[in-house]
Amino acid sequence: MANPTSGGYDAGFLEKVRARLEQHGFMAEIRLTRHAGEIGEVCADPELRVRTLVVAGGDGSINEALTGFQTHPDPPQLAVIPFGTANVLALELALPHNAQAIADIIRHQKTRQLHYGLANGHPFVLMASAGFDAEVVHAVPLTLKRRLGKLAYVITAIRTGFGRKGTLLRITLDGETITGKLAVASNARHYGGPFVICPGGATDPGLYMLVLERDDPWSSLRYGIALMLGRIHKVRGALVRPFSVATITADAPVAAQIDGDPFGATPLEIRTTDRTIPILVP
């Protein structure tokens, strides 16, 4: 399944994957979405009778599929073709960007269990957060995102960052309350691209919470450099901690996001779950 209007859509690439699969005896059908939410609708349909559902898209499309699978009595295994603006899960899984190699991953049927967390009952495979990064996700114009990709987030972050005054968050981790200006619950090692935010990964159980004490421009620059160097867990004013159940609250609503898409505002309740989805890996 693929959204033909999304960034990175490549009809020729999909046809190459389909053709190679059929060369090896697989029946493969390309289905292009016609309206928003269709991936989730298909994945929730109990009449979906396929062995493997391949989602060609970004992290938001994977989240949509995972959300649909929540109500499917026997969901199929999942495969990913890295299209879209952000493909952090593709980094987690070390997926190739070559059509033949992607088809071979699907053909070989090697799976791992994809773990995920729940934010207010909604699944997320990468992260759920509240604070500055979520404000950027809410503010980035769709037209700019489609035209510039990841650069649209950088431009929006610069525009949003100066002159704002962050709201203090109260983050309760398994009963212990701390405060900060940005809170990121992570199910994946990577954040915002190739930058490592915590141990483990999306195919490992458990969640981690990153809390940043400040979000002024200077502190954000300092945290950003530490993130790029893989030292965010060591920088002053940052905390990375495993947890099972967390809540994020504030005196006024603070923007929230999951897997790079807007998700309303605080309060958030975030927890682990024992459920998993089989996903194809190299």
C-alpha atoms as a PDB file:
ATOM      1  CA  MET A   1       0.000   0.000   0.000  1.00  0.00           C
ATOM      2  CA  ALA A   2       1.188   3.515  -0.769  1.00  0.00           C
ATOM      3  CA  ASN A   3      -0.103   7.061  -0.760  1.00  0.00           C
ATOM      4  CA  PRO A   4       0.522   8.440  -4.272  1.00  0.00           C
ATOM      5  CA  THR A   5       0.392  12.050  -3.026  1.00  0.00           C
ATOM      6  CA  SER A   6       3.034  11.637  -0.300  1.00  0.00           C
ATOM      7  CA  GLY A   7       6.613  12.827  -0.524  1.00  0.00           C
ATOM      8  CA  GLY A   8       9.007  10.280  -1.952  1.00  0.00           C
ATOM      9  CA  TYR A   9       6.323   8.279  -3.796  1.00  0.00           C
ATOM     10  CA  ASP A  10       7.889   6.364  -6.693  1.00  0.00           C
ATOM     11  CA  ALA A  11       5.579   4.239  -8.855  1.00  0.00           C
ATOM     12  CA  GLY A  12       8.503   2.738 -10.772  1.00  0.00           C
ATOM     13  CA  PHE A  13      10.161   1.567  -7.553  1.00  0.00           C
ATOM     14  CA  LEU A  14       6.972  -0.204  -6.433  1.00  0.00           C
ATOM     15  CA  GLU A  15       6.617  -1.916  -9.786  1.00  0.00           C
ATOM     16  CA  LYS A  16      10.201  -3.198  -9.581  1.00  0.00           C
ATOM     17  CA  VAL A  17       9.498  -4.686  -6.128  1.00  0.00           C
ATOM     18  CA  ARG A  18       6.250  -6.273  -7.337  1.00  0.00           C
ATOM     19  CA  ALA A  19       7.836  -7.699 -10.490  1.00  0.00           C
ATOM     20  CA  ARG A  20      10.731  -9.299  -8.600  1.00  0.00           C
ATOM     21  CA  LEU A  21       8.353 -10.876  -6.083  1.00  0.00           C
ATOM     22  CA  GLU A  22       6.265 -12.360  -8.882  1.00  0.00           C
ATOM     23  CA  GLN A  23       9.445 -13.724 -10.510  1.00  0.00           C
ATOM     24  CA  HIS A  24       9.881 -15.783  -7.340  1.00  0.00           C
ATOM     25  CA  GLY A  25       6.306 -17.083  -7.272  1.00  0.00           C
ATOM     26  CA  PHE A  26       4.653 -14.542  -4.978  1.00  0.00           C
ATOM     27  CA  MET A  27       1.285 -12.981  -5.743  1.00  0.00           C
ATOM     28  CA  ALA A  28       1.731  -9.249  -5.164  1.00  0.00           C
ATOM     29  CA  GLU A  29      -0.769  -6.416  -5.607  1.00  0.00           C
ATOM     30  CA  ILE A  30      -0.069  -2.678  -5.468  1.00  0.00           C
ATOM     31  CA  ARG A  31      -2.884  -0.709  -3.829  1.00  0.00           C
ATOM     32  CA  LEU A  32      -2.760   3.083  -3.872  1.00  0.00           C
ATOM     33  CA  THR A  33      -4.753   4.951  -1.245  1.00  0.00           C
ATOM     34  CA  ARG A  34      -7.571   7.252  -2.357  1.00  0.00           C
ATOM     35  CA  HIS A  35      -8.257   9.079   0.898  1.00  0.00           C
ATOM     36  CA  ALA A  36      -6.624   9.889   4.241  1.00  0.00           C
ATOM     37  CA  GLY A  37      -6.799   7.059   6.772  1.00  0.00           C
ATOM     38  CA  GLU A  38      -7.223   4.296   4.202  1.00  0.00           C
ATOM     39  CA  ILE A  39      -4.139   2.364   5.334  1.00  0.00           C
ATOM     40  CA  GLY A  40      -5.583   2.172   8.845  1.00  0.00           C
ATOM     41  CA  GLU A  41      -8.987   1.111   7.520  1.00  0.00           C
ATOM     42  CA  VAL A  42      -7.500  -1.714   5.451  1.00  0.00           C
ATOM     43  CA  CYS A  43      -5.346  -2.923   8.350  1.00  0.00           C
ATOM     44  CA  ALA A  44      -8.349  -2.998  10.692  1.00  0.00           C
ATOM     45  CA  ASP A  45     -10.528  -4.935   8.242  1.00  0.00           C
ATOM     46  CA  PRO A  46     -11.000  -8.528   9.499  1.00  0.00           C
ATOM     47  CA  GLU A  47     -11.475  -9.576   5.849  1.00  0.00           C
ATOM     48  CA  LEU A  48      -7.856  -8.646   5.072  1.00  0.00           C
ATOM     49  CA  ARG A  49      -6.416 -12.002   4.060  1.00  0.00           C
ATOM     50  CA  VAL A  50      -2.774 -11.566   3.138  1.00  0.00           C
ATOM     51  CA  ARG A  51       0.411 -13.045   4.527  1.00  0.00           C
ATOM     52  CA  THR A  52       2.384  -9.811   4.310  1.00  0.00           C
ATOM     53  CA  LEU A  53       1.201  -6.207   4.193  1.00  0.00           C
ATOM     54  CA  VAL A  54       3.874  -3.949   2.691  1.00  0.00           C
ATOM     55  CA  VAL A  55       3.589  -0.244   3.539  1.00  0.00           C
ATOM     56  CA  ALA A  56       5.470   2.110   1.235  1.00  0.00           C
ATOM     57  CA  GLY A  57       5.677   5.345   3.193  1.00  0.00           C
ATOM     58  CA  GLY A  58       7.139   7.224   6.108  1.00  0.00           C
ATOM     59  CA  ASP A  59       6.845   6.688   9.831  1.00  0.00           C
ATOM     60  CA  GLY A  60       3.329   8.170   9.900  1.00  0.00           C
ATOM     61  CA  SER A  61       2.097   5.527   7.449  1.00  0.00           C
ATOM     62  CA  ILE A  62       3.620   2.761   9.585  1.00  0.00           C
ATOM     63  CA  ASN A  63       1.848   4.199  12.628  1.00  0.00           C
ATOM     64  CA  GLU A  64      -1.434   4.201  10.699  1.00  0.00           C
ATOM     65  CA  ALA A  65      -0.999   0.523   9.818  1.00  0.00           C
ATOM     66  CA  LEU A  66      -0.100  -0.376  13.389  1.00  0.00           C
ATOM     67  CA  THR A  67      -3.170   1.475  14.666  1.00  0.00           C
ATOM     68  CA  GLY A  68      -5.389  -0.485  12.301  1.00  0.00           C
ATOM     69  CA  PHE A  69      -3.842  -3.786  13.377  1.00  0.00           C
ATOM     70  CA  GLN A  70      -5.014  -3.135  16.956  1.00  0.00           C
ATOM     71  CA  THR A  71      -8.527  -4.292  16.072  1.00  0.00           C
ATOM     72  CA  HIS A  72      -7.611  -6.980  13.535  1.00  0.00           C
ATOM     73  CA  PRO A  73      -8.170 -10.491  14.958  1.00  0.00           C
ATOM     74  CA  ASP A  74      -5.157 -11.970  13.132  1.00  0.00           C
ATOM     75  CA  PRO A  75      -2.974  -9.216  11.628  1.00  0.00           C
ATOM     76  CA  PRO A  76      -0.518 -10.133   8.867  1.00  0.00           C
ATOM     77  CA  GLN A  77       3.204  -9.562   9.110  1.00  0.00           C
ATOM     78  CA  LEU A  78       4.395  -6.090   8.177  1.00  0.00           C
ATOM     79  CA  ALA A  79       7.047  -4.970   5.700  1.00  0.00           C
ATOM     80  CA  VAL A  80       8.309  -1.463   4.991  1.00  0.00           C
ATOM     81  CA  ILE A  81       9.408   0.309   1.808  1.00  0.00           C
ATOM     82  CA  PRO A  82      11.090   3.552   2.965  1.00  0.00           C
ATOM     83  CA  PHE A  83       9.188   6.403   1.300  1.00  0.00           C
ATOM     84  CA  GLY A  84       7.963   9.581   2.990  1.00  0.00           C
ATOM     85  CA  THR A  85       9.626  12.506   4.745  1.00  0.00           C
ATOM     86  CA  ALA A  86      10.908  10.636   7.785  1.00  0.00           C
ATOM     87  CA  ASN A  87      12.045   7.005   7.841  1.00  0.00           C
ATOM     88  CA  VAL A  88      13.442   6.499  11.318  1.00  0.00           C
ATOM     89  CA  LEU A  89      12.031   2.969  11.509  1.00  0.00           C
ATOM     90  CA  ALA A  90      13.933   2.140   8.306  1.00  0.00           C
ATOM     91  CA  LEU A  91      17.115   3.202  10.129  1.00  0.00           C
ATOM     92  CA  GLU A  92      16.145   1.048  13.116  1.00  0.00           C
ATOM     93  CA  LEU A  93      15.720  -1.984  10.878  1.00  0.00           C
ATOM     94  CA  ALA A  94      18.718  -1.184   8.624  1.00  0.00           C
ATOM     95  CA  LEU A  95      16.493  -1.393   5.550  1.00  0.00           C
ATOM     96  CA  PRO A  96      18.063  -0.944   2.117  1.00  0.00           C
ATOM     97  CA  HIS A  97      16.803   1.621  -0.410  1.00  0.00           C
ATOM     98  CA  ASN A  98      17.171  -0.664  -3.427  1.00  0.00           C
ATOM     99  CA  ALA A  99      14.039  -2.232  -4.960  1.00  0.00           C
ATOM    100  CA  GLN A 100      15.662  -5.626  -5.533  1.00  0.00           C
ATOM    101  CA  ALA A 101      17.004  -5.764  -1.965  1.00  0.00           C
ATOM    102  CA  ILE A 102      13.612  -4.779  -0.521  1.00  0.00           C
ATOM    103  CA  ALA A 103      11.904  -7.496  -2.566  1.00  0.00           C
ATOM    104  CA  ASP A 104      14.438 -10.045  -1.344  1.00  0.00           C
ATOM    105  CA  ILE A 105      13.688  -9.119   2.290  1.00  0.00           C
ATOM    106  CA  ILE A 106      10.002  -9.782   1.624  1.00  0.00           C
ATOM    107  CA  ARG A 107      10.834 -12.991  -0.227  1.00  0.00           C
ATOM    108  CA  HIS A 108      13.058 -14.415   2.526  1.00  0.00           C
ATOM    109  CA  GLN A 109      10.377 -13.828   5.196  1.00  0.00           C
ATOM    110  CA  LYS A 110      12.783 -13.245   8.087  1.00  0.00           C
ATOM    111  CA  THR A 111      10.873 -11.541  10.901  1.00  0.00           C
ATOM    112  CA  ARG A 112      11.452  -9.890  14.242  1.00  0.00           C
ATOM    113  CA  GLN A 113       8.826  -8.731  16.697  1.00  0.00           C
ATOM    114  CA  LEU A 114       8.072  -5.018  16.442  1.00  0.00           C
ATOM    115  CA  HIS A 115       7.388  -3.638  19.927  1.00  0.00           C
ATOM    116  CA  TYR A 116       5.482  -0.426  20.510  1.00  0.00           C
ATOM    117  CA  GLY A 117       4.143   1.818  23.245  1.00  0.00           C
ATOM    118  CA  LEU A 118       0.726   3.336  23.914  1.00  0.00           C
ATOM    119  CA  ALA A 119       0.055   7.056  24.341  1.00  0.00           C
ATOM    120  CA  ASN A 120      -3.463   7.679  25.618  1.00  0.00           C
ATOM    121  CA  GLY A 121      -4.243   4.233  24.226  1.00  0.00           C
ATOM    122  CA  HIS A 122      -2.865   5.028  20.747  1.00  0.00           C
ATOM    123  CA  PRO A 123       0.132   2.977  19.542  1.00  0.00           C
ATOM    124  CA  PHE A 124       3.474   4.535  18.667  1.00  0.00           C
ATOM    125  CA  VAL A 125       6.471   2.704  17.273  1.00  0.00           C
ATOM    126  CA  LEU A 126       9.095   5.461  17.546  1.00  0.00           C
ATOM    127  CA  MET A 127       8.235   8.160  20.070  1.00  0.00           C
ATOM    128  CA  ALA A 128       5.564  10.162  21.850  1.00  0.00           C
ATOM    129  CA  SER A 129       6.567  13.592  23.055  1.00  0.00           C
ATOM    130  CA  ALA A 130       5.373  16.901  24.466  1.00  0.00           C
ATOM    131  CA  GLY A 131       7.139  20.254  24.205  1.00  0.00           C
ATOM    132  CA  PHE A 132       9.127  22.115  21.571  1.00  0.00           C
ATOM    133  CA  ASP A 133       9.533  19.270  19.059  1.00  0.00           C
ATOM    134  CA  ALA A 134       5.778  18.648  19.110  1.00  0.00           C
ATOM    135  CA  GLU A 135       5.135  22.376  18.589  1.00  0.00           C
ATOM    136  CA  VAL A 136       7.279  22.178  15.455  1.00  0.00           C
ATOM    137  CA  VAL A 137       5.381  19.121  14.218  1.00  0.00           C
ATOM    138  CA  HIS A 138       2.097  20.981  14.708  1.00  0.00           C
ATOM    139  CA  ALA A 139       3.394  24.141  13.018  1.00  0.00           C
ATOM    140  CA  VAL A 140       5.194  22.802   9.918  1.00  0.00           C
ATOM    141  CA  PRO A 141       3.120  23.583   6.790  1.00  0.00           C
ATOM    142  CA  LEU A 142       2.205  20.501   4.749  1.00  0.00           C
ATOM    143  CA  THR A 143       3.153  22.222   1.483  1.00  0.00           C
ATOM    144  CA  LEU A 144       6.596  23.086   2.880  1.00  0.00           C
ATOM    145  CA  LYS A 145       7.029  19.544   4.179  1.00  0.00           C
ATOM    146  CA  ARG A 146       6.226  18.055   0.769  1.00  0.00           C
ATOM    147  CA  ARG A 147       8.539  20.487  -1.020  1.00  0.00           C
ATOM    148  CA  LEU A 148      11.553  20.489   1.315  1.00  0.00           C
ATOM    149  CA  GLY A 149      11.241  17.278   3.338  1.00  0.00           C
ATOM    150  CA  LYS A 150      13.237  17.297   6.577  1.00  0.00           C
ATOM    151  CA  LEU A 151      14.503  20.818   5.911  1.00  0.00           C
ATOM    152  CA  ALA A 152      10.929  22.047   6.484  1.00  0.00           C
ATOM    153  CA  TYR A 153      11.229  20.985  10.128  1.00  0.00           C
ATOM    154  CA  VAL A 154      14.508  22.864  10.536  1.00  0.00           C
ATOM    155  CA  ILE A 155      13.025  26.060   9.086  1.00  0.00           C
ATOM    156  CA  THR A 156       9.902  25.746  11.255  1.00  0.00           C
ATOM    157  CA  ALA A 157      11.990  25.040  14.360  1.00  0.00           C
ATOM    158  CA  ILE A 158      13.992  28.236  13.818  1.00  0.00           C
ATOM    159  CA  ARG A 159      10.832  30.257  13.275  1.00  0.00           C
ATOM    160  CA  THR A 160       9.155  28.719  16.329  1.00  0.00           C
ATOM    161  CA  GLY A 161      12.153  28.703  18.667  1.00  0.00           C
ATOM    162  CA  PHE A 162      12.854  32.396  19.034  1.00  0.00           C
ATOM    163  CA  GLY A 163      10.458  34.348  21.165  1.00  0.00           C
ATOM    164  CA  ARG A 164       8.592  31.360  22.589  1.00  0.00           C
ATOM    165  CA  LYS A 165       8.323  30.602  26.280  1.00  0.00           C
ATOM    166  CA  GLY A 166       8.113  26.919  27.078  1.00  0.00           C
ATOM    167  CA  THR A 167       5.700  25.522  29.628  1.00  0.00           C
ATOM    168  CA  LEU A 168       6.999  23.440  32.528  1.00  0.00           C
ATOM    169  CA  LEU A 169       6.067  19.767  32.257  1.00  0.00           C
ATOM    170  CA  ARG A 170       5.519  17.353  35.133  1.00  0.00           C
ATOM    171  CA  ILE A 171       6.671  13.879  34.146  1.00  0.00           C
ATOM    172  CA  THR A 172       5.844  10.955  36.417  1.00  0.00           C
ATOM    173  CA  LEU A 173       7.907   7.833  35.737  1.00  0.00           C
ATOM    174  CA  ASP A 174       6.631   4.731  37.546  1.00  0.00           C
ATOM    175  CA  GLY A 175       5.495   6.898  40.452  1.00  0.00           C
ATOM    176  CA  GLU A 176       8.444   9.348  40.624  1.00  0.00           C
ATOM    177  CA  THR A 177       7.775  12.919  39.427  1.00  0.00           C
ATOM    178  CA  ILE A 178      10.370  15.133  37.739  1.00  0.00           C
ATOM    179  CA  THR A 179      10.046  18.360  35.761  1.00  0.00           C
ATOM    180  CA  GLY A 180      11.372  19.623  32.448  1.00  0.00           C
ATOM    181  CA  LYS A 181      10.518  21.566  29.303  1.00  0.00           C
ATOM    182  CA  LEU A 182      10.640  18.660  26.806  1.00  0.00           C
ATOM    183  CA  ALA A 183       9.718  15.017  27.359  1.00  0.00           C
ATOM    184  CA  VAL A 184      10.220  12.289  24.747  1.00  0.00           C
ATOM    185  CA  ALA A 185       9.050   8.728  25.401  1.00  0.00           C
ATOM    186  CA  SER A 186      11.060   6.582  23.013  1.00  0.00           C
ATOM    187  CA  ASN A 187      10.494   3.063  21.770  1.00  0.00           C
ATOM    188  CA  ALA A 188      13.342   3.377  19.250  1.00  0.00           C
ATOM    189  CA  ARG A 189      17.075   4.013  19.516  1.00  0.00           C
ATOM    190  CA  HIS A 190      16.950   6.776  16.919  1.00  0.00           C
ATOM    191  CA  TYR A 191      15.356  10.205  17.056  1.00  0.00           C
ATOM    192  CA  GLY A 192      14.962  12.700  14.219  1.00  0.00           C
ATOM    193  CA  GLY A 193      17.123  10.642  11.875  1.00  0.00           C
ATOM    194  CA  PRO A 194      20.379   8.763  12.580  1.00  0.00           C
ATOM    195  CA  PHE A 195      20.833  10.239  16.081  1.00  0.00           C
ATOM    196  CA  VAL A 196      20.823   7.755  18.966  1.00  0.00           C
ATOM    197  CA  ILE A 197      18.650   8.800  21.895  1.00  0.00           C
ATOM    198  CA  CYS A 198      18.558   5.681  24.115  1.00  0.00           C
ATOM    199  CA  PRO A 199      19.551   1.999  24.330  1.00  0.00           C
ATOM    200  CA  GLY A 200      17.492  -0.815  22.859  1.00  0.00           C
ATOM    201  CA  GLY A 201      15.360  -0.331  19.775  1.00  0.00           C
ATOM    202  CA  ALA A 202      11.965  -0.867  18.187  1.00  0.00           C
ATOM    203  CA  THR A 203      12.456  -4.635  18.075  1.00  0.00           C
ATOM    204  CA  ASP A 204      13.442  -4.733  21.766  1.00  0.00           C
ATOM    205  CA  PRO A 205      10.954  -4.509  24.644  1.00  0.00           C
ATOM    206  CA  GLY A 206      10.775  -1.459  26.904  1.00  0.00           C
ATOM    207  CA  LEU A 207      10.444   2.319  26.732  1.00  0.00           C
ATOM    208  CA  TYR A 208      12.804   5.147  27.713  1.00  0.00           C
ATOM    209  CA  MET A 209      11.993   8.719  28.650  1.00  0.00           C
ATOM    210  CA  LEU A 210      14.243  11.636  27.689  1.00  0.00           C
ATOM    211  CA  VAL A 211      13.594  14.776  29.742  1.00  0.00           C
ATOM    212  CA  LEU A 212      15.297  18.074  28.941  1.00  0.00           C
ATOM    213  CA  GLU A 213      15.416  20.636  31.733  1.00  0.00           C
ATOM    214  CA  ARG A 214      15.441  23.712  29.455  1.00  0.00           C
ATOM    215  CA  ASP A 215      14.321  24.614  25.937  1.00  0.00           C
ATOM    216  CA  ASP A 216      15.701  28.122  25.359  1.00  0.00           C
ATOM    217  CA  PRO A 217      17.664  28.599  22.085  1.00  0.00           C
ATOM    218  CA  TRP A 218      21.115  28.234  23.691  1.00  0.00           C
ATOM    219  CA  SER A 219      20.145  25.087  25.615  1.00  0.00           C
ATOM    220  CA  SER A 220      18.463  23.637  22.521  1.00  0.00           C
ATOM    221  CA  LEU A 221      21.678  24.172  20.550  1.00  0.00           C
ATOM    222  CA  ARG A 222      23.716  22.504  23.298  1.00  0.00           C
ATOM    223  CA  TYR A 223      21.333  19.531  23.448  1.00  0.00           C
ATOM    224  CA  GLY A 224      21.322  19.295  19.657  1.00  0.00           C
ATOM    225  CA  ILE A 225      25.101  19.050  19.498  1.00  0.00           C
ATOM    226  CA  ALA A 226      25.088  16.395  22.230  1.00  0.00           C
ATOM    227  CA  LEU A 227      22.439  14.445  20.301  1.00  0.00           C
ATOM    228  CA  MET A 228      24.505  14.519  17.109  1.00  0.00           C
ATOM    229  CA  LEU A 229      27.532  13.285  19.074  1.00  0.00           C
ATOM    230  CA  GLY A 230      25.538  10.464  20.677  1.00  0.00           C
ATOM    231  CA  ARG A 231      26.003  12.005  24.138  1.00  0.00           C
ATOM    232  CA  ILE A 232      22.529  13.294  24.970  1.00  0.00           C
ATOM    233  CA  HIS A 233      22.373  10.992  28.000  1.00  0.00           C
ATOM    234  CA  LYS A 234      25.531  12.603  29.430  1.00  0.00           C
ATOM    235  CA  VAL A 235      24.848  16.309  28.911  1.00  0.00           C
ATOM    236  CA  ARG A 236      23.916  18.468  31.893  1.00  0.00           C
ATOM    237  CA  GLY A 237      20.174  19.072  32.177  1.00  0.00           C
ATOM    238  CA  ALA A 238      19.190  15.894  30.308  1.00  0.00           C
ATOM    239  CA  LEU A 239      17.853  12.671  31.790  1.00  0.00           C
ATOM    240  CA  VAL A 240      17.317   9.318  30.040  1.00  0.00           C
ATOM    241  CA  ARG A 241      15.511   6.658  32.070  1.00  0.00           C
ATOM    242  CA  PRO A 242      13.626   3.398  31.386  1.00  0.00           C
ATOM    243  CA  PHE A 243      10.003   3.214  32.513  1.00  0.00           C
ATOM    244  CA  SER A 244       6.831   1.149  32.273  1.00  0.00           C
ATOM    245  CA  VAL A 245       4.127   3.768  32.928  1.00  0.00           C
ATOM    246  CA  ALA A 246       4.468   7.552  32.656  1.00  0.00           C
ATOM    247  CA  THR A 247       2.257  10.612  32.676  1.00  0.00           C
ATOM    248  CA  ILE A 248       3.060  14.033  31.222  1.00  0.00           C
ATOM    249  CA  THR A 249       1.009  16.965  32.521  1.00  0.00           C
ATOM    250  CA  ALA A 250       1.267  20.761  32.637  1.00  0.00           C
ATOM    251  CA  ASP A 251      -0.689  23.716  33.989  1.00  0.00           C
ATOM    252  CA  ALA A 252      -1.706  24.622  30.415  1.00  0.00           C
ATOM    253  CA  PRO A 253      -2.054  22.331  27.381  1.00  0.00           C
ATOM    254  CA  VAL A 254       1.294  21.584  25.705  1.00  0.00           C
ATOM    255  CA  ALA A 255       1.512  20.298  22.129  1.00  0.00           C
ATOM    256  CA  ALA A 256       2.076  16.545  21.737  1.00  0.00           C
ATOM    257  CA  GLN A 257       3.115  14.344  18.824  1.00  0.00           C
ATOM    258  CA  ILE A 258       3.541  10.652  18.071  1.00  0.00           C
ATOM    259  CA  ASP A 259       5.787   9.226  15.350  1.00  0.00           C
ATOM    260  CA  GLY A 260       6.210  12.658  13.793  1.00  0.00           C
ATOM    261  CA  ASP A 261       2.510  13.530  13.473  1.00  0.00           C
ATOM    262  CA  PRO A 262       0.422  15.912  15.640  1.00  0.00           C
ATOM    263  CA  PHE A 263      -1.313  14.225  18.587  1.00  0.00           C
ATOM    264  CA  GLY A 264      -3.288  16.930  20.337  1.00  0.00           C
ATOM    265  CA  ALA A 265      -1.897  18.123  23.657  1.00  0.00           C
ATOM    266  CA  THR A 266      -1.127  17.078  27.203  1.00  0.00           C
ATOM    267  CA  PRO A 267      -2.050  15.320  29.397  1.00  0.00           C
ATOM    268  CA  LEU A 268      -0.480  12.106  28.132  1.00  0.00           C
ATOM    269  CA  GLU A 269      -0.456   8.664  29.691  1.00  0.00           C
ATOM    270  CA  ILE A 270       2.270   6.498  28.182  1.00  0.00           C
ATOM    271  CA  ARG A 271       2.789   2.828  28.870  1.00  0.00           C
ATOM    272  CA  THR A 272       4.406  -0.305  27.546  1.00  0.00           C
ATOM    273  CA  THR A 273       2.392  -3.149  26.078  1.00  0.00           C
ATOM    274  CA  ASP A 274       3.084  -6.852  25.674  1.00  0.00           C
ATOM    275  CA  ARG A 275       1.633  -6.915  22.160  1.00  0.00           C
ATOM    276  CA  THR A 276       3.934  -7.060  19.136  1.00  0.00           C
ATOM    277  CA  ILE A 277       3.667  -7.223  15.348  1.00  0.00           C
ATOM    278  CA  PRO A 278       5.983  -9.415  13.219  1.00  0.00           C
ATOM    279  CA  ILE A 279       7.991  -7.231  10.849  1.00  0.00           C
ATOM    280  CA  LEU A 280      10.283  -8.317   8.016  1.00  0.00           C
ATOM    281  CA  VAL A 281      13.975  -7.493   8.429  1.00  0.00           C
ATOM    282  CA  PRO A 282      17.183  -8.068   6.414  1.00  0.00           C
END
